[in-house]
Amino acid sequence: MKSMHRHAIGLALTLTLAACSGESADPQASGTSDPELLAPAATQTPSPTPTASPEPVAEVKEIPSALRGRWALVPADCTSTRGDAKGLLTIGATTLKFYESVGTLKTATSGAPGGLSGTFSYTGEGMEWSREVTLVASADGQRLNFADTGNDPPPSRRSYTKCT
């Protein structure tokens, strides 16, 4: 009995030292043949596999070329020579120019080909403001849906037609 007790204490010390040293605590690796110590270890629940994080959305530095150009709320906005085209929208690489205001692209992400969502900082008539803007061109590139939210936005989405 003393021999078995000493063997158990010796094995416990060996396992403790193995755990501290990073060596295997497997009784088979230590060369023991004691059947109780060779019993399978308790089943451990595997840790969940980490899920892949979503791809970050690429930041857009310019307004896509499919959205650039002159856009009108009504046909006369495209042809006015008197400077009264209040429904004309001219989209450049980083700007949205309206009758009396200019919006400059600050941050944006591409929602789809021919589309853009982002923040624009506006100036006009001595004031400054920001709006979240979404621009989506039709498949044929002839219509533009314009929606914005923020400080005092227009009451609804607007639909523009490409000026030729």
C-alpha atoms as a PDB file:
ATOM      1  CA  MET A   1       0.000   0.000   0.000  1.00  0.00           C
ATOM      2  CA  LYS A   2       2.854   2.379   0.862  1.00  0.00           C
ATOM      3  CA  SER A   3       4.412   1.635  -2.505  1.00  0.00           C
ATOM      4  CA  MET A   4       1.192   2.495  -4.314  1.00  0.00           C
ATOM      5  CA  HIS A   5       0.816   5.687  -2.265  1.00  0.00           C
ATOM      6  CA  ARG A   6       4.398   6.729  -3.066  1.00  0.00           C
ATOM      7  CA  HIS A   7       3.827   5.918  -6.723  1.00  0.00           C
ATOM      8  CA  ALA A   8       0.694   8.129  -6.750  1.00  0.00           C
ATOM      9  CA  ILE A   9       2.550  11.011  -5.049  1.00  0.00           C
ATOM     10  CA  GLY A  10       5.482  10.608  -7.423  1.00  0.00           C
ATOM     11  CA  LEU A  11       3.160  10.616 -10.428  1.00  0.00           C
ATOM     12  CA  ALA A  12       1.306  13.682  -9.114  1.00  0.00           C
ATOM     13  CA  LEU A  13       4.649  15.510  -8.735  1.00  0.00           C
ATOM     14  CA  THR A  14       5.691  14.418 -12.223  1.00  0.00           C
ATOM     15  CA  LEU A  15       2.425  15.639 -13.711  1.00  0.00           C
ATOM     16  CA  THR A  16       2.677  18.940 -11.836  1.00  0.00           C
ATOM     17  CA  LEU A  17       6.242  19.475 -13.033  1.00  0.00           C
ATOM     18  CA  ALA A  18       5.271  18.506 -16.574  1.00  0.00           C
ATOM     19  CA  ALA A  19       2.427  20.991 -16.528  1.00  0.00           C
ATOM     20  CA  CYS A  20       4.745  23.751 -15.329  1.00  0.00           C
ATOM     21  CA  SER A  21       7.440  22.911 -17.854  1.00  0.00           C
ATOM     22  CA  GLY A  22       5.037  22.630 -20.790  1.00  0.00           C
ATOM     23  CA  GLU A  23       5.800  18.909 -21.283  1.00  0.00           C
ATOM     24  CA  SER A  24       3.073  16.394 -21.978  1.00  0.00           C
ATOM     25  CA  ALA A  25       1.080  15.303 -18.929  1.00  0.00           C
ATOM     26  CA  ASP A  26       0.015  12.161 -20.753  1.00  0.00           C
ATOM     27  CA  PRO A  27       0.666   9.166 -18.452  1.00  0.00           C
ATOM     28  CA  GLN A  28       1.575   7.046 -21.489  1.00  0.00           C
ATOM     29  CA  ALA A  29       4.300   9.556 -22.347  1.00  0.00           C
ATOM     30  CA  SER A  30       5.745   9.205 -18.849  1.00  0.00           C
ATOM     31  CA  GLY A  31       6.102   5.444 -19.279  1.00  0.00           C
ATOM     32  CA  THR A  32       3.605   4.360 -16.596  1.00  0.00           C
ATOM     33  CA  SER A  33       1.525   1.248 -17.006  1.00  0.00           C
ATOM     34  CA  ASP A  34      -0.991   1.893 -14.189  1.00  0.00           C
ATOM     35  CA  PRO A  35      -4.433   1.154 -15.760  1.00  0.00           C
ATOM     36  CA  GLU A  36      -6.226   3.880 -13.740  1.00  0.00           C
ATOM     37  CA  LEU A  37      -3.803   6.509 -14.996  1.00  0.00           C
ATOM     38  CA  LEU A  38      -4.095   5.265 -18.580  1.00  0.00           C
ATOM     39  CA  ALA A  39      -7.871   5.919 -18.672  1.00  0.00           C
ATOM     40  CA  PRO A  40      -8.905   8.510 -21.265  1.00  0.00           C
ATOM     41  CA  ALA A  41      -8.897  12.089 -20.044  1.00  0.00           C
ATOM     42  CA  ALA A  42     -12.167  13.942 -19.637  1.00  0.00           C
ATOM     43  CA  THR A  43     -13.526  15.143 -22.954  1.00  0.00           C
ATOM     44  CA  GLN A  44     -12.947  18.824 -23.476  1.00  0.00           C
ATOM     45  CA  THR A  45     -15.441  20.922 -25.375  1.00  0.00           C
ATOM     46  CA  PRO A  46     -13.663  22.385 -28.390  1.00  0.00           C
ATOM     47  CA  SER A  47     -13.608  26.145 -28.500  1.00  0.00           C
ATOM     48  CA  PRO A  48     -15.727  27.635 -31.281  1.00  0.00           C
ATOM     49  CA  THR A  49     -13.946  28.382 -34.524  1.00  0.00           C
ATOM     50  CA  PRO A  50     -13.588  32.138 -34.928  1.00  0.00           C
ATOM     51  CA  THR A  51     -15.782  33.519 -37.663  1.00  0.00           C
ATOM     52  CA  ALA A  52     -14.254  35.634 -40.374  1.00  0.00           C
ATOM     53  CA  SER A  53     -14.925  39.313 -39.902  1.00  0.00           C
ATOM     54  CA  PRO A  54     -16.741  41.030 -42.739  1.00  0.00           C
ATOM     55  CA  GLU A  55     -14.621  42.668 -45.381  1.00  0.00           C
ATOM     56  CA  PRO A  56     -14.253  46.380 -44.703  1.00  0.00           C
ATOM     57  CA  VAL A  57     -16.021  48.584 -47.195  1.00  0.00           C
ATOM     58  CA  ALA A  58     -13.509  50.445 -49.307  1.00  0.00           C
ATOM     59  CA  GLU A  59     -13.582  54.191 -48.877  1.00  0.00           C
ATOM     60  CA  VAL A  60     -14.240  56.121 -52.062  1.00  0.00           C
ATOM     61  CA  LYS A  61     -12.204  59.275 -52.725  1.00  0.00           C
ATOM     62  CA  GLU A  62     -14.121  60.448 -55.808  1.00  0.00           C
ATOM     63  CA  ILE A  63     -17.636  60.325 -57.159  1.00  0.00           C
ATOM     64  CA  PRO A  64     -17.835  57.514 -59.769  1.00  0.00           C
ATOM     65  CA  SER A  65     -17.657  58.751 -63.367  1.00  0.00           C
ATOM     66  CA  ALA A  66     -21.079  57.206 -64.138  1.00  0.00           C
ATOM     67  CA  LEU A  67     -22.608  59.809 -61.810  1.00  0.00           C
ATOM     68  CA  ARG A  68     -20.704  62.854 -63.075  1.00  0.00           C
ATOM     69  CA  GLY A  69     -22.150  65.415 -65.434  1.00  0.00           C
ATOM     70  CA  ARG A  70     -25.138  67.726 -65.636  1.00  0.00           C
ATOM     71  CA  TRP A  71     -28.473  66.487 -64.313  1.00  0.00           C
ATOM     72  CA  ALA A  72     -31.865  68.259 -64.467  1.00  0.00           C
ATOM     73  CA  LEU A  73     -35.112  68.101 -62.530  1.00  0.00           C
ATOM     74  CA  VAL A  74     -36.965  69.432 -65.606  1.00  0.00           C
ATOM     75  CA  PRO A  75     -35.786  69.615 -69.240  1.00  0.00           C
ATOM     76  CA  ALA A  76     -35.491  73.445 -69.154  1.00  0.00           C
ATOM     77  CA  ASP A  77     -32.742  73.140 -66.495  1.00  0.00           C
ATOM     78  CA  CYS A  78     -30.443  71.719 -69.176  1.00  0.00           C
ATOM     79  CA  THR A  79     -31.028  74.496 -71.713  1.00  0.00           C
ATOM     80  CA  SER A  80     -31.435  77.694 -69.682  1.00  0.00           C
ATOM     81  CA  THR A  81     -29.067  80.483 -70.739  1.00  0.00           C
ATOM     82  CA  ARG A  82     -30.374  83.029 -68.209  1.00  0.00           C
ATOM     83  CA  GLY A  83     -28.781  81.422 -65.149  1.00  0.00           C
ATOM     84  CA  ASP A  84     -32.151  80.487 -63.672  1.00  0.00           C
ATOM     85  CA  ALA A  85     -31.777  76.709 -63.847  1.00  0.00           C
ATOM     86  CA  LYS A  86     -32.712  76.122 -60.207  1.00  0.00           C
ATOM     87  CA  GLY A  87     -33.106  72.379 -60.770  1.00  0.00           C
ATOM     88  CA  LEU A  88     -29.691  71.848 -62.374  1.00  0.00           C
ATOM     89  CA  LEU A  89     -27.236  69.598 -60.531  1.00  0.00           C
ATOM     90  CA  THR A  90     -23.645  69.425 -61.779  1.00  0.00           C
ATOM     91  CA  ILE A  91     -21.655  66.529 -60.368  1.00  0.00           C
ATOM     92  CA  GLY A  92     -17.863  66.662 -60.507  1.00  0.00           C
ATOM     93  CA  ALA A  93     -15.148  64.387 -59.133  1.00  0.00           C
ATOM     94  CA  THR A  94     -15.732  65.553 -55.543  1.00  0.00           C
ATOM     95  CA  THR A  95     -18.556  68.114 -55.705  1.00  0.00           C
ATOM     96  CA  LEU A  96     -22.300  68.483 -56.101  1.00  0.00           C
ATOM     97  CA  LYS A  97     -23.126  71.964 -57.491  1.00  0.00           C
ATOM     98  CA  PHE A  98     -26.657  73.292 -57.191  1.00  0.00           C
ATOM     99  CA  TYR A  99     -28.163  76.668 -58.070  1.00  0.00           C
ATOM    100  CA  GLU A 100     -26.923  78.404 -54.900  1.00  0.00           C
ATOM    101  CA  SER A 101     -24.866  75.804 -53.021  1.00  0.00           C
ATOM    102  CA  VAL A 102     -21.953  73.395 -53.374  1.00  0.00           C
ATOM    103  CA  GLY A 103     -21.521  70.087 -51.579  1.00  0.00           C
ATOM    104  CA  THR A 104     -18.001  68.686 -51.181  1.00  0.00           C
ATOM    105  CA  LEU A 105     -17.409  64.980 -50.657  1.00  0.00           C
ATOM    106  CA  LYS A 106     -15.961  64.263 -47.203  1.00  0.00           C
ATOM    107  CA  THR A 107     -16.359  60.503 -46.766  1.00  0.00           C
ATOM    108  CA  ALA A 108     -18.121  57.969 -48.944  1.00  0.00           C
ATOM    109  CA  THR A 109     -18.535  54.296 -49.643  1.00  0.00           C
ATOM    110  CA  SER A 110     -19.657  52.722 -52.854  1.00  0.00           C
ATOM    111  CA  GLY A 111     -22.986  51.009 -52.565  1.00  0.00           C
ATOM    112  CA  ALA A 112     -23.006  49.476 -56.041  1.00  0.00           C
ATOM    113  CA  PRO A 113     -21.733  50.195 -59.526  1.00  0.00           C
ATOM    114  CA  GLY A 114     -23.244  53.523 -60.508  1.00  0.00           C
ATOM    115  CA  GLY A 115     -24.001  54.408 -56.899  1.00  0.00           C
ATOM    116  CA  LEU A 116     -22.521  56.306 -53.979  1.00  0.00           C
ATOM    117  CA  SER A 117     -23.464  56.939 -50.351  1.00  0.00           C
ATOM    118  CA  GLY A 118     -21.558  59.407 -48.242  1.00  0.00           C
ATOM    119  CA  THR A 119     -21.250  62.623 -46.309  1.00  0.00           C
ATOM    120  CA  PHE A 120     -21.062  65.964 -48.085  1.00  0.00           C
ATOM    121  CA  SER A 121     -20.232  69.317 -46.499  1.00  0.00           C
ATOM    122  CA  TYR A 122     -22.241  72.116 -48.094  1.00  0.00           C
ATOM    123  CA  THR A 123     -21.753  75.868 -48.373  1.00  0.00           C
ATOM    124  CA  GLY A 124     -24.174  78.354 -49.851  1.00  0.00           C
ATOM    125  CA  GLU A 125     -25.826  81.703 -49.172  1.00  0.00           C
ATOM    126  CA  GLY A 126     -23.440  82.324 -46.272  1.00  0.00           C
ATOM    127  CA  MET A 127     -24.272  79.068 -44.493  1.00  0.00           C
ATOM    128  CA  GLU A 128     -22.556  75.692 -43.911  1.00  0.00           C
ATOM    129  CA  TRP A 129     -24.139  72.282 -43.260  1.00  0.00           C
ATOM    130  CA  SER A 130     -23.625  68.539 -43.776  1.00  0.00           C
ATOM    131  CA  ARG A 131     -25.847  65.873 -45.255  1.00  0.00           C
ATOM    132  CA  GLU A 132     -25.755  62.134 -45.850  1.00  0.00           C
ATOM    133  CA  VAL A 133     -26.324  61.656 -49.582  1.00  0.00           C
ATOM    134  CA  THR A 134     -27.196  58.595 -51.658  1.00  0.00           C
ATOM    135  CA  LEU A 135     -26.866  58.770 -55.445  1.00  0.00           C
ATOM    136  CA  VAL A 136     -27.970  55.908 -57.701  1.00  0.00           C
ATOM    137  CA  ALA A 137     -27.875  55.982 -61.502  1.00  0.00           C
ATOM    138  CA  SER A 138     -30.270  53.906 -63.591  1.00  0.00           C
ATOM    139  CA  ALA A 139     -28.869  50.972 -65.551  1.00  0.00           C
ATOM    140  CA  ASP A 140     -28.908  53.027 -68.770  1.00  0.00           C
ATOM    141  CA  GLY A 141     -27.231  56.001 -67.024  1.00  0.00           C
ATOM    142  CA  GLN A 142     -29.991  58.452 -67.992  1.00  0.00           C
ATOM    143  CA  ARG A 143     -31.740  58.830 -64.609  1.00  0.00           C
ATOM    144  CA  LEU A 144     -30.308  59.696 -61.211  1.00  0.00           C
ATOM    145  CA  ASN A 145     -32.078  59.110 -57.909  1.00  0.00           C
ATOM    146  CA  PHE A 146     -30.890  61.552 -55.238  1.00  0.00           C
ATOM    147  CA  ALA A 147     -31.735  61.215 -51.545  1.00  0.00           C
ATOM    148  CA  ASP A 148     -30.273  63.120 -48.618  1.00  0.00           C
ATOM    149  CA  THR A 149     -30.727  63.361 -44.871  1.00  0.00           C
ATOM    150  CA  GLY A 150     -29.309  65.759 -42.322  1.00  0.00           C
ATOM    151  CA  ASN A 151     -29.895  69.410 -41.522  1.00  0.00           C
ATOM    152  CA  ASP A 152     -33.134  70.626 -43.133  1.00  0.00           C
ATOM    153  CA  PRO A 153     -33.182  68.202 -46.088  1.00  0.00           C
ATOM    154  CA  PRO A 154     -35.644  68.595 -48.952  1.00  0.00           C
ATOM    155  CA  PRO A 155     -38.931  66.800 -48.269  1.00  0.00           C
ATOM    156  CA  SER A 156     -38.426  63.852 -50.610  1.00  0.00           C
ATOM    157  CA  ARG A 157     -36.093  61.996 -52.932  1.00  0.00           C
ATOM    158  CA  ARG A 158     -35.471  63.667 -56.241  1.00  0.00           C
ATOM    159  CA  SER A 159     -35.119  62.130 -59.657  1.00  0.00           C
ATOM    160  CA  TYR A 160     -32.890  63.829 -62.215  1.00  0.00           C
ATOM    161  CA  THR A 161     -32.473  63.290 -65.959  1.00  0.00           C
ATOM    162  CA  LYS A 162     -29.044  63.424 -67.614  1.00  0.00           C
ATOM    163  CA  CYS A 163     -28.494  66.533 -69.744  1.00  0.00           C
ATOM    164  CA  THR A 164     -27.199  65.781 -73.235  1.00  0.00           C
END
